[in-house]
Amino acid sequence: MFLDNKFTALQLSIINSQAVLYTCACPVHVSMQITNLRKLFDYQKTCMDMPSQSDVQMQVHQRIAEVTKQAHQLMEQCLDEILELERWDKSKLEMPEGLRTRIEKTDP
């Protein structure tokens, strides 16, 4: 079982940097959840590879991995939609100038 990644770890890091730089927390929260889901999925795969597990233990790890995969797919789609809605430059993963200005103006 593998995850289909729409965003690489580097791309998520770039999105996080852009969002934090301009105090826009929404994309970074979604990006962080994607990263955490990847860690959970990898952990479950490691557990499934361990020898001498009962059938129940294997089923538990498989179920967690399956649901994590679904959640990961939904969160990546969500992030993609957020970037579209906010009109990020997807080739550079840069927040649009207008959004940066709006956020800077509302910063206390």
PDB file of N, CA and C in Angstrom:
ATOM      1  N   MET A   1       0.853  -1.174   0.000  1.00  0.00           N
ATOM      2  CA  MET A   1       0.000   0.000   0.000  1.00  0.00           C
ATOM      3  C   MET A   1       0.903   1.243   0.000  1.00  0.00           C
ATOM      4  N   PHE A   2       0.571   2.183  -0.881  1.00  0.00           N
ATOM      5  CA  PHE A   2       1.360   3.406  -0.998  1.00  0.00           C
ATOM      6  C   PHE A   2       0.436   4.617  -1.050  1.00  0.00           C
ATOM      7  N   LEU A   3       0.972   5.771  -0.668  1.00  0.00           N
ATOM      8  CA  LEU A   3       0.240   7.025  -0.792  1.00  0.00           C
ATOM      9  C   LEU A   3       0.534   7.645  -2.150  1.00  0.00           C
ATOM     10  N   ASP A   4      -0.483   8.184  -2.775  1.00  0.00           N
ATOM     11  CA  ASP A   4      -0.282   8.974  -3.978  1.00  0.00           C
ATOM     12  C   ASP A   4      -0.140  10.423  -3.530  1.00  0.00           C
ATOM     13  N   ASN A   5       1.045  10.996  -3.727  1.00  0.00           N
ATOM     14  CA  ASN A   5       1.299  12.354  -3.264  1.00  0.00           C
ATOM     15  C   ASN A   5       1.140  13.355  -4.390  1.00  0.00           C
ATOM     16  N   LYS A   6       0.262  14.313  -4.181  1.00  0.00           N
ATOM     17  CA  LYS A   6       0.086  15.417  -5.112  1.00  0.00           C
ATOM     18  C   LYS A   6       1.189  16.455  -4.875  1.00  0.00           C
ATOM     19  N   PHE A   7       1.615  16.592  -3.613  1.00  0.00           N
ATOM     20  CA  PHE A   7       2.642  17.543  -3.219  1.00  0.00           C
ATOM     21  C   PHE A   7       3.832  16.792  -2.620  1.00  0.00           C
ATOM     22  N   THR A   8       5.034  17.205  -2.988  1.00  0.00           N
ATOM     23  CA  THR A   8       6.229  16.615  -2.390  1.00  0.00           C
ATOM     24  C   THR A   8       6.464  17.240  -1.015  1.00  0.00           C
ATOM     25  N   ALA A   9       7.348  16.645  -0.247  1.00  0.00           N
ATOM     26  CA  ALA A   9       7.708  17.217   1.057  1.00  0.00           C
ATOM     27  C   ALA A   9       8.313  18.610   0.880  1.00  0.00           C
ATOM     28  N   LEU A  10       9.110  18.778  -0.167  1.00  0.00           N
ATOM     29  CA  LEU A  10       9.709  20.095  -0.439  1.00  0.00           C
ATOM     30  C   LEU A  10       8.631  21.123  -0.766  1.00  0.00           C
ATOM     31  N   GLN A  11       7.662  20.749  -1.569  1.00  0.00           N
ATOM     32  CA  GLN A  11       6.582  21.677  -1.908  1.00  0.00           C
ATOM     33  C   GLN A  11       5.783  22.075  -0.665  1.00  0.00           C
ATOM     34  N   LEU A  12       5.515  21.130   0.208  1.00  0.00           N
ATOM     35  CA  LEU A  12       4.811  21.452   1.443  1.00  0.00           C
ATOM     36  C   LEU A  12       5.627  22.419   2.295  1.00  0.00           C
ATOM     37  N   SER A  13       6.925  22.215   2.324  1.00  0.00           N
ATOM     38  CA  SER A  13       7.811  23.098   3.076  1.00  0.00           C
ATOM     39  C   SER A  13       7.781  24.521   2.503  1.00  0.00           C
ATOM     40  N   ILE A  14       7.773  24.632   1.193  1.00  0.00           N
ATOM     41  CA  ILE A  14       7.723  25.948   0.539  1.00  0.00           C
ATOM     42  C   ILE A  14       6.395  26.633   0.861  1.00  0.00           C
ATOM     43  N   ILE A  15       5.297  25.887   0.785  1.00  0.00           N
ATOM     44  CA  ILE A  15       3.993  26.454   1.123  1.00  0.00           C
ATOM     45  C   ILE A  15       3.991  26.937   2.574  1.00  0.00           C
ATOM     46  N   ASN A  16       4.550  26.136   3.468  1.00  0.00           N
ATOM     47  CA  ASN A  16       4.635  26.528   4.878  1.00  0.00           C
ATOM     48  C   ASN A  16       5.424  27.811   5.037  1.00  0.00           C
ATOM     49  N   SER A  17       6.545  27.917   4.346  1.00  0.00           N
ATOM     50  CA  SER A  17       7.390  29.112   4.439  1.00  0.00           C
ATOM     51  C   SER A  17       6.644  30.345   3.945  1.00  0.00           C
ATOM     52  N   GLN A  18       5.951  30.222   2.819  1.00  0.00           N
ATOM     53  CA  GLN A  18       5.192  31.344   2.277  1.00  0.00           C
ATOM     54  C   GLN A  18       4.086  31.756   3.245  1.00  0.00           C
ATOM     55  N   ALA A  19       3.362  30.786   3.741  1.00  0.00           N
ATOM     56  CA  ALA A  19       2.240  31.078   4.617  1.00  0.00           C
ATOM     57  C   ALA A  19       2.702  31.721   5.919  1.00  0.00           C
ATOM     58  N   VAL A  20       3.761  31.208   6.499  1.00  0.00           N
ATOM     59  CA  VAL A  20       4.276  31.754   7.750  1.00  0.00           C
ATOM     60  C   VAL A  20       4.857  33.148   7.544  1.00  0.00           C
ATOM     61  N   LEU A  21       5.534  33.346   6.419  1.00  0.00           N
ATOM     62  CA  LEU A  21       6.151  34.635   6.108  1.00  0.00           C
ATOM     63  C   LEU A  21       5.119  35.748   6.094  1.00  0.00           C
ATOM     64  N   TYR A  22       3.937  35.428   5.604  1.00  0.00           N
ATOM     65  CA  TYR A  22       2.903  36.447   5.485  1.00  0.00           C
ATOM     66  C   TYR A  22       1.768  36.246   6.478  1.00  0.00           C
ATOM     67  N   THR A  23       2.026  35.541   7.546  1.00  0.00           N
ATOM     68  CA  THR A  23       1.084  35.273   8.633  1.00  0.00           C
ATOM     69  C   THR A  23      -0.273  34.769   8.159  1.00  0.00           C
ATOM     70  N   CYS A  24      -0.259  33.947   7.145  1.00  0.00           N
ATOM     71  CA  CYS A  24      -1.484  33.294   6.679  1.00  0.00           C
ATOM     72  C   CYS A  24      -1.439  31.854   7.160  1.00  0.00           C
ATOM     73  N   ALA A  25      -2.230  31.532   8.145  1.00  0.00           N
ATOM     74  CA  ALA A  25      -2.115  30.232   8.802  1.00  0.00           C
ATOM     75  C   ALA A  25      -2.911  29.115   8.128  1.00  0.00           C
ATOM     76  N   CYS A  26      -3.895  29.436   7.317  1.00  0.00           N
ATOM     77  CA  CYS A  26      -4.761  28.384   6.767  1.00  0.00           C
ATOM     78  C   CYS A  26      -4.006  27.367   5.905  1.00  0.00           C
ATOM     79  N   PRO A  27      -3.259  27.787   4.885  1.00  0.00           N
ATOM     80  CA  PRO A  27      -2.541  26.785   4.090  1.00  0.00           C
ATOM     81  C   PRO A  27      -1.533  25.983   4.917  1.00  0.00           C
ATOM     82  N   VAL A  28      -0.889  26.620   5.873  1.00  0.00           N
ATOM     83  CA  VAL A  28       0.110  25.906   6.667  1.00  0.00           C
ATOM     84  C   VAL A  28      -0.548  24.840   7.554  1.00  0.00           C
ATOM     85  N   HIS A  29      -1.739  25.096   8.061  1.00  0.00           N
ATOM     86  CA  HIS A  29      -2.421  24.092   8.886  1.00  0.00           C
ATOM     87  C   HIS A  29      -2.793  22.873   8.061  1.00  0.00           C
ATOM     88  N   VAL A  30      -3.277  23.092   6.860  1.00  0.00           N
ATOM     89  CA  VAL A  30      -3.616  21.970   5.987  1.00  0.00           C
ATOM     90  C   VAL A  30      -2.345  21.213   5.606  1.00  0.00           C
ATOM     91  N   SER A  31      -1.301  21.955   5.261  1.00  0.00           N
ATOM     92  CA  SER A  31      -0.022  21.340   4.891  1.00  0.00           C
ATOM     93  C   SER A  31       0.547  20.501   6.037  1.00  0.00           C
ATOM     94  N   MET A  32       0.451  21.010   7.256  1.00  0.00           N
ATOM     95  CA  MET A  32       0.953  20.266   8.413  1.00  0.00           C
ATOM     96  C   MET A  32       0.169  18.984   8.617  1.00  0.00           C
ATOM     97  N   GLN A  33      -1.136  19.018   8.387  1.00  0.00           N
ATOM     98  CA  GLN A  33      -1.945  17.812   8.537  1.00  0.00           C
ATOM     99  C   GLN A  33      -1.557  16.764   7.491  1.00  0.00           C
ATOM    100  N   ILE A  34      -1.250  17.220   6.289  1.00  0.00           N
ATOM    101  CA  ILE A  34      -0.792  16.300   5.243  1.00  0.00           C
ATOM    102  C   ILE A  34       0.500  15.628   5.682  1.00  0.00           C
ATOM    103  N   THR A  35       1.422  16.411   6.209  1.00  0.00           N
ATOM    104  CA  THR A  35       2.694  15.867   6.691  1.00  0.00           C
ATOM    105  C   THR A  35       2.465  14.859   7.814  1.00  0.00           C
ATOM    106  N   ASN A  36       1.568  15.189   8.746  1.00  0.00           N
ATOM    107  CA  ASN A  36       1.274  14.274   9.859  1.00  0.00           C
ATOM    108  C   ASN A  36       0.603  12.996   9.371  1.00  0.00           C
ATOM    109  N   LEU A  37      -0.270  13.104   8.391  1.00  0.00           N
ATOM    110  CA  LEU A  37      -0.909  11.909   7.837  1.00  0.00           C
ATOM    111  C   LEU A  37       0.120  11.006   7.161  1.00  0.00           C
ATOM    112  N   ARG A  38       1.099  11.603   6.497  1.00  0.00           N
ATOM    113  CA  ARG A  38       2.162  10.808   5.874  1.00  0.00           C
ATOM    114  C   ARG A  38       2.966  10.056   6.930  1.00  0.00           C
ATOM    115  N   LYS A  39       3.224  10.712   8.046  1.00  0.00           N
ATOM    116  CA  LYS A  39       3.958  10.058   9.133  1.00  0.00           C
ATOM    117  C   LYS A  39       3.148   8.910   9.717  1.00  0.00           C
ATOM    118  N   LEU A  40       1.866   9.125   9.919  1.00  0.00           N
ATOM    119  CA  LEU A  40       0.995   8.072  10.454  1.00  0.00           C
ATOM    120  C   LEU A  40       0.926   6.886   9.493  1.00  0.00           C
ATOM    121  N   PHE A  41       0.813   7.162   8.209  1.00  0.00           N
ATOM    122  CA  PHE A  41       0.759   6.108   7.206  1.00  0.00           C
ATOM    123  C   PHE A  41       2.052   5.303   7.213  1.00  0.00           C
ATOM    124  N   ASP A  42       3.188   5.990   7.228  1.00  0.00           N
ATOM    125  CA  ASP A  42       4.485   5.299   7.260  1.00  0.00           C
ATOM    126  C   ASP A  42       4.632   4.456   8.525  1.00  0.00           C
ATOM    127  N   TYR A  43       4.156   4.977   9.642  1.00  0.00           N
ATOM    128  CA  TYR A  43       4.213   4.233  10.898  1.00  0.00           C
ATOM    129  C   TYR A  43       3.402   2.940  10.788  1.00  0.00           C
ATOM    130  N   GLN A  44       2.218   3.018  10.197  1.00  0.00           N
ATOM    131  CA  GLN A  44       1.383   1.833  10.046  1.00  0.00           C
ATOM    132  C   GLN A  44       2.035   0.811   9.115  1.00  0.00           C
ATOM    133  N   LYS A  45       2.672   1.285   8.058  1.00  0.00           N
ATOM    134  CA  LYS A  45       3.381   0.365   7.167  1.00  0.00           C
ATOM    135  C   LYS A  45       4.499  -0.347   7.918  1.00  0.00           C
ATOM    136  N   THR A  46       5.214   0.374   8.762  1.00  0.00           N
ATOM    137  CA  THR A  46       6.277  -0.225   9.564  1.00  0.00           C
ATOM    138  C   THR A  46       5.690  -1.289  10.497  1.00  0.00           C
ATOM    139  N   CYS A  47       4.589  -0.969  11.106  1.00  0.00           N
ATOM    140  CA  CYS A  47       3.933  -1.934  11.999  1.00  0.00           C
ATOM    141  C   CYS A  47       3.508  -3.188  11.238  1.00  0.00           C
ATOM    142  N   MET A  48       2.991  -3.008  10.029  1.00  0.00           N
ATOM    143  CA  MET A  48       2.535  -4.164   9.247  1.00  0.00           C
ATOM    144  C   MET A  48       3.701  -5.062   8.832  1.00  0.00           C
ATOM    145  N   ASP A  49       4.891  -4.494   8.737  1.00  0.00           N
ATOM    146  CA  ASP A  49       6.074  -5.269   8.349  1.00  0.00           C
ATOM    147  C   ASP A  49       6.704  -6.027   9.508  1.00  0.00           C
ATOM    148  N   MET A  50       6.236  -5.763  10.730  1.00  0.00           N
ATOM    149  CA  MET A  50       6.805  -6.434  11.895  1.00  0.00           C
ATOM    150  C   MET A  50       6.338  -7.880  11.937  1.00  0.00           C
ATOM    151  N   PRO A  51       7.246  -8.793  12.253  1.00  0.00           N
ATOM    152  CA  PRO A  51       6.871 -10.210  12.325  1.00  0.00           C
ATOM    153  C   PRO A  51       6.035 -10.520  13.570  1.00  0.00           C
ATOM    154  N   SER A  52       5.460 -11.649  13.542  1.00  0.00           N
ATOM    155  CA  SER A  52       4.691 -12.227  14.667  1.00  0.00           C
ATOM    156  C   SER A  52       3.578 -11.306  15.184  1.00  0.00           C
ATOM    157  N   GLN A  53       2.778 -10.823  14.269  1.00  0.00           N
ATOM    158  CA  GLN A  53       1.588 -10.074  14.663  1.00  0.00           C
ATOM    159  C   GLN A  53       0.380 -10.994  14.566  1.00  0.00           C
ATOM    160  N   SER A  54      -0.584 -10.744  15.394  1.00  0.00           N
ATOM    161  CA  SER A  54      -1.829 -11.503  15.285  1.00  0.00           C
ATOM    162  C   SER A  54      -2.626 -10.957  14.092  1.00  0.00           C
ATOM    163  N   ASP A  55      -3.609 -11.730  13.692  1.00  0.00           N
ATOM    164  CA  ASP A  55      -4.484 -11.282  12.607  1.00  0.00           C
ATOM    165  C   ASP A  55      -5.183  -9.978  12.976  1.00  0.00           C
ATOM    166  N   VAL A  56      -5.580  -9.869  14.218  1.00  0.00           N
ATOM    167  CA  VAL A  56      -6.267  -8.659  14.684  1.00  0.00           C
ATOM    168  C   VAL A  56      -5.333  -7.457  14.600  1.00  0.00           C
ATOM    169  N   GLN A  57      -4.099  -7.602  15.051  1.00  0.00           N
ATOM    170  CA  GLN A  57      -3.139  -6.495  14.979  1.00  0.00           C
ATOM    171  C   GLN A  57      -2.928  -6.056  13.531  1.00  0.00           C
ATOM    172  N   MET A  58      -2.788  -7.022  12.638  1.00  0.00           N
ATOM    173  CA  MET A  58      -2.596  -6.695  11.226  1.00  0.00           C
ATOM    174  C   MET A  58      -3.811  -5.960  10.668  1.00  0.00           C
ATOM    175  N   GLN A  59      -4.990  -6.413  11.043  1.00  0.00           N
ATOM    176  CA  GLN A  59      -6.215  -5.756  10.580  1.00  0.00           C
ATOM    177  C   GLN A  59      -6.303  -4.317  11.090  1.00  0.00           C
ATOM    178  N   VAL A  60      -5.902  -4.118  12.335  1.00  0.00           N
ATOM    179  CA  VAL A  60      -5.917  -2.772  12.917  1.00  0.00           C
ATOM    180  C   VAL A  60      -4.991  -1.850  12.125  1.00  0.00           C
ATOM    181  N   HIS A  61      -3.766  -2.297  11.874  1.00  0.00           N
ATOM    182  CA  HIS A  61      -2.801  -1.467  11.148  1.00  0.00           C
ATOM    183  C   HIS A  61      -3.263  -1.212   9.704  1.00  0.00           C
ATOM    184  N   GLN A  62      -3.828  -2.225   9.084  1.00  0.00           N
ATOM    185  CA  GLN A  62      -4.326  -2.051   7.710  1.00  0.00           C
ATOM    186  C   GLN A  62      -5.474  -1.055   7.669  1.00  0.00           C
ATOM    187  N   ARG A  63      -6.363  -1.152   8.645  1.00  0.00           N
ATOM    188  CA  ARG A  63      -7.511  -0.232   8.671  1.00  0.00           C
ATOM    189  C   ARG A  63      -7.055   1.203   8.886  1.00  0.00           C
ATOM    190  N   ILE A  64      -6.139   1.402   9.816  1.00  0.00           N
ATOM    191  CA  ILE A  64      -5.620   2.748  10.061  1.00  0.00           C
ATOM    192  C   ILE A  64      -4.940   3.282   8.794  1.00  0.00           C
ATOM    193  N   ALA A  65      -4.162   2.454   8.136  1.00  0.00           N
ATOM    194  CA  ALA A  65      -3.478   2.869   6.905  1.00  0.00           C
ATOM    195  C   ALA A  65      -4.477   3.226   5.810  1.00  0.00           C
ATOM    196  N   GLU A  66      -5.532   2.428   5.668  1.00  0.00           N
ATOM    197  CA  GLU A  66      -6.547   2.697   4.638  1.00  0.00           C
ATOM    198  C   GLU A  66      -7.247   4.033   4.866  1.00  0.00           C
ATOM    199  N   VAL A  67      -7.662   4.276   6.093  1.00  0.00           N
ATOM    200  CA  VAL A  67      -8.371   5.516   6.407  1.00  0.00           C
ATOM    201  C   VAL A  67      -7.420   6.710   6.310  1.00  0.00           C
ATOM    202  N   THR A  68      -6.186   6.515   6.727  1.00  0.00           N
ATOM    203  CA  THR A  68      -5.191   7.576   6.612  1.00  0.00           C
ATOM    204  C   THR A  68      -4.964   7.935   5.154  1.00  0.00           C
ATOM    205  N   LYS A  69      -4.931   6.932   4.307  1.00  0.00           N
ATOM    206  CA  LYS A  69      -4.756   7.174   2.872  1.00  0.00           C
ATOM    207  C   LYS A  69      -5.916   8.008   2.325  1.00  0.00           C
ATOM    208  N   GLN A  70      -7.122   7.689   2.736  1.00  0.00           N
ATOM    209  CA  GLN A  70      -8.292   8.459   2.301  1.00  0.00           C
ATOM    210  C   GLN A  70      -8.230   9.904   2.796  1.00  0.00           C
ATOM    211  N   ALA A  71      -7.889  10.066   4.071  1.00  0.00           N
ATOM    212  CA  ALA A  71      -7.794  11.411   4.651  1.00  0.00           C
ATOM    213  C   ALA A  71      -6.693  12.217   3.960  1.00  0.00           C
ATOM    214  N   HIS A  72      -5.579  11.565   3.661  1.00  0.00           N
ATOM    215  CA  HIS A  72      -4.462  12.217   2.978  1.00  0.00           C
ATOM    216  C   HIS A  72      -4.910  12.733   1.614  1.00  0.00           C
ATOM    217  N   GLN A  73      -5.624  11.904   0.894  1.00  0.00           N
ATOM    218  CA  GLN A  73      -6.102  12.293  -0.433  1.00  0.00           C
ATOM    219  C   GLN A  73      -7.039  13.503  -0.331  1.00  0.00           C
ATOM    220  N   LEU A  74      -7.943  13.486   0.639  1.00  0.00           N
ATOM    221  CA  LEU A  74      -8.864  14.610   0.838  1.00  0.00           C
ATOM    222  C   LEU A  74      -8.127  15.891   1.216  1.00  0.00           C
ATOM    223  N   MET A  75      -7.148  15.789   2.093  1.00  0.00           N
ATOM    224  CA  MET A  75      -6.415  16.981   2.526  1.00  0.00           C
ATOM    225  C   MET A  75      -5.541  17.541   1.410  1.00  0.00           C
ATOM    226  N   GLU A  76      -4.954  16.662   0.594  1.00  0.00           N
ATOM    227  CA  GLU A  76      -4.172  17.168  -0.542  1.00  0.00           C
ATOM    228  C   GLU A  76      -5.091  17.875  -1.540  1.00  0.00           C
ATOM    229  N   GLN A  77      -6.267  17.316  -1.765  1.00  0.00           N
ATOM    230  CA  GLN A  77      -7.224  17.975  -2.664  1.00  0.00           C
ATOM    231  C   GLN A  77      -7.644  19.317  -2.085  1.00  0.00           C
ATOM    232  N   CYS A  78      -7.861  19.360  -0.793  1.00  0.00           N
ATOM    233  CA  CYS A  78      -8.226  20.596  -0.111  1.00  0.00           C
ATOM    234  C   CYS A  78      -7.125  21.649  -0.291  1.00  0.00           C
ATOM    235  N   LEU A  79      -5.877  21.264  -0.077  1.00  0.00           N
ATOM    236  CA  LEU A  79      -4.769  22.209  -0.233  1.00  0.00           C
ATOM    237  C   LEU A  79      -4.688  22.706  -1.667  1.00  0.00           C
ATOM    238  N   ASP A  80      -4.860  21.812  -2.610  1.00  0.00           N
ATOM    239  CA  ASP A  80      -4.835  22.201  -4.018  1.00  0.00           C
ATOM    240  C   ASP A  80      -5.932  23.228  -4.310  1.00  0.00           C
ATOM    241  N   GLU A  81      -7.112  22.994  -3.761  1.00  0.00           N
ATOM    242  CA  GLU A  81      -8.234  23.919  -3.962  1.00  0.00           C
ATOM    243  C   GLU A  81      -7.974  25.265  -3.290  1.00  0.00           C
ATOM    244  N   ILE A  82      -7.379  25.247  -2.099  1.00  0.00           N
ATOM    245  CA  ILE A  82      -7.035  26.494  -1.406  1.00  0.00           C
ATOM    246  C   ILE A  82      -6.063  27.316  -2.251  1.00  0.00           C
ATOM    247  N   LEU A  83      -5.041  26.654  -2.778  1.00  0.00           N
ATOM    248  CA  LEU A  83      -4.060  27.359  -3.605  1.00  0.00           C
ATOM    249  C   LEU A  83      -4.725  27.941  -4.854  1.00  0.00           C
ATOM    250  N   GLU A  84      -5.687  27.208  -5.413  1.00  0.00           N
ATOM    251  CA  GLU A  84      -6.445  27.713  -6.576  1.00  0.00           C
ATOM    252  C   GLU A  84      -7.283  28.921  -6.176  1.00  0.00           C
ATOM    253  N   LEU A  85      -8.041  28.779  -5.089  1.00  0.00           N
ATOM    254  CA  LEU A  85      -8.918  29.864  -4.638  1.00  0.00           C
ATOM    255  C   LEU A  85      -8.134  31.139  -4.326  1.00  0.00           C
ATOM    256  N   GLU A  86      -6.990  30.980  -3.695  1.00  0.00           N
ATOM    257  CA  GLU A  86      -6.179  32.146  -3.335  1.00  0.00           C
ATOM    258  C   GLU A  86      -5.281  32.610  -4.479  1.00  0.00           C
ATOM    259  N   ARG A  87      -5.301  31.859  -5.574  1.00  0.00           N
ATOM    260  CA  ARG A  87      -4.549  32.174  -6.792  1.00  0.00           C
ATOM    261  C   ARG A  87      -3.029  32.203  -6.553  1.00  0.00           C
ATOM    262  N   TRP A  88      -2.543  31.188  -5.851  1.00  0.00           N
ATOM    263  CA  TRP A  88      -1.101  31.033  -5.673  1.00  0.00           C
ATOM    264  C   TRP A  88      -0.482  30.716  -7.028  1.00  0.00           C
ATOM    265  N   ASP A  89       0.773  31.096  -7.206  1.00  0.00           N
ATOM    266  CA  ASP A  89       1.546  30.687  -8.380  1.00  0.00           C
ATOM    267  C   ASP A  89       1.989  29.254  -8.100  1.00  0.00           C
ATOM    268  N   LYS A  90       1.344  28.298  -8.742  1.00  0.00           N
ATOM    269  CA  LYS A  90       1.618  26.890  -8.439  1.00  0.00           C
ATOM    270  C   LYS A  90       2.986  26.434  -8.938  1.00  0.00           C
ATOM    271  N   SER A  91       3.531  27.091  -9.945  1.00  0.00           N
ATOM    272  CA  SER A  91       4.853  26.679 -10.419  1.00  0.00           C
ATOM    273  C   SER A  91       5.939  27.068  -9.420  1.00  0.00           C
ATOM    274  N   LYS A  92       5.766  28.187  -8.744  1.00  0.00           N
ATOM    275  CA  LYS A  92       6.750  28.657  -7.753  1.00  0.00           C
ATOM    276  C   LYS A  92       6.263  28.459  -6.323  1.00  0.00           C
ATOM    277  N   LEU A  93       4.980  28.114  -6.185  1.00  0.00           N
ATOM    278  CA  LEU A  93       4.325  28.000  -4.875  1.00  0.00           C
ATOM    279  C   LEU A  93       4.505  29.282  -4.072  1.00  0.00           C
ATOM    280  N   GLU A  94       4.178  30.380  -4.726  1.00  0.00           N
ATOM    281  CA  GLU A  94       4.240  31.688  -4.078  1.00  0.00           C
ATOM    282  C   GLU A  94       2.834  32.215  -3.865  1.00  0.00           C
ATOM    283  N   MET A  95       2.642  32.782  -2.691  1.00  0.00           N
ATOM    284  CA  MET A  95       1.385  33.423  -2.373  1.00  0.00           C
ATOM    285  C   MET A  95       1.234  34.655  -3.271  1.00  0.00           C
ATOM    286  N   PRO A  96       0.051  34.929  -3.783  1.00  0.00           N
ATOM    287  CA  PRO A  96      -0.117  36.080  -4.668  1.00  0.00           C
ATOM    288  C   PRO A  96       0.117  37.405  -3.948  1.00  0.00           C
ATOM    289  N   GLU A  97       0.636  38.342  -4.680  1.00  0.00           N
ATOM    290  CA  GLU A  97       0.967  39.662  -4.127  1.00  0.00           C
ATOM    291  C   GLU A  97      -0.231  40.302  -3.429  1.00  0.00           C
ATOM    292  N   GLY A  98      -1.393  40.262  -4.061  1.00  0.00           N
ATOM    293  CA  GLY A  98      -2.581  40.871  -3.471  1.00  0.00           C
ATOM    294  C   GLY A  98      -2.947  40.282  -2.129  1.00  0.00           C
ATOM    295  N   LEU A  99      -2.787  39.010  -1.974  1.00  0.00           N
ATOM    296  CA  LEU A  99      -3.088  38.352  -0.708  1.00  0.00           C
ATOM    297  C   LEU A  99      -2.059  38.731   0.348  1.00  0.00           C
ATOM    298  N   ARG A 100      -0.809  38.812  -0.067  1.00  0.00           N
ATOM    299  CA  ARG A 100       0.249  39.222   0.874  1.00  0.00           C
ATOM    300  C   ARG A 100      -0.019  40.641   1.368  1.00  0.00           C
ATOM    301  N   THR A 101      -0.401  41.521   0.470  1.00  0.00           N
ATOM    302  CA  THR A 101      -0.666  42.899   0.845  1.00  0.00           C
ATOM    303  C   THR A 101      -1.847  42.970   1.814  1.00  0.00           C
ATOM    304  N   ARG A 102      -2.918  42.230   1.494  1.00  0.00           N
ATOM    305  CA  ARG A 102      -4.103  42.238   2.332  1.00  0.00           C
ATOM    306  C   ARG A 102      -3.759  41.742   3.738  1.00  0.00           C
ATOM    307  N   ILE A 103      -2.980  40.706   3.822  1.00  0.00           N
ATOM    308  CA  ILE A 103      -2.616  40.154   5.118  1.00  0.00           C
ATOM    309  C   ILE A 103      -1.714  41.113   5.877  1.00  0.00           C
ATOM    310  N   GLU A 104      -0.747  41.720   5.193  1.00  0.00           N
ATOM    311  CA  GLU A 104       0.154  42.683   5.842  1.00  0.00           C
ATOM    312  C   GLU A 104      -0.610  43.880   6.372  1.00  0.00           C
ATOM    313  N   LYS A 105      -1.650  44.349   5.646  1.00  0.00           N
ATOM    314  CA  LYS A 105      -2.431  45.503   6.073  1.00  0.00           C
ATOM    315  C   LYS A 105      -3.275  45.207   7.299  1.00  0.00           C
ATOM    316  N   THR A 106      -3.732  43.949   7.438  1.00  0.00           N
ATOM    317  CA  THR A 106      -4.585  43.614   8.583  1.00  0.00           C
ATOM    318  C   THR A 106      -3.777  43.159   9.796  1.00  0.00           C
ATOM    319  N   ASP A 107      -2.477  43.042   9.650  1.00  0.00           N
ATOM    320  CA  ASP A 107      -1.625  42.632  10.761  1.00  0.00           C
ATOM    321  C   ASP A 107      -1.567  43.757  11.803  1.00  0.00           C
ATOM    322  N   PRO A 108      -1.757  43.443  13.084  1.00  0.00           N
ATOM    323  CA  PRO A 108      -1.710  44.503  14.118  1.00  0.00           C
ATOM    324  C   PRO A 108      -0.309  45.050  14.308  1.00  0.00           C
TER     325      PRO A 108
END
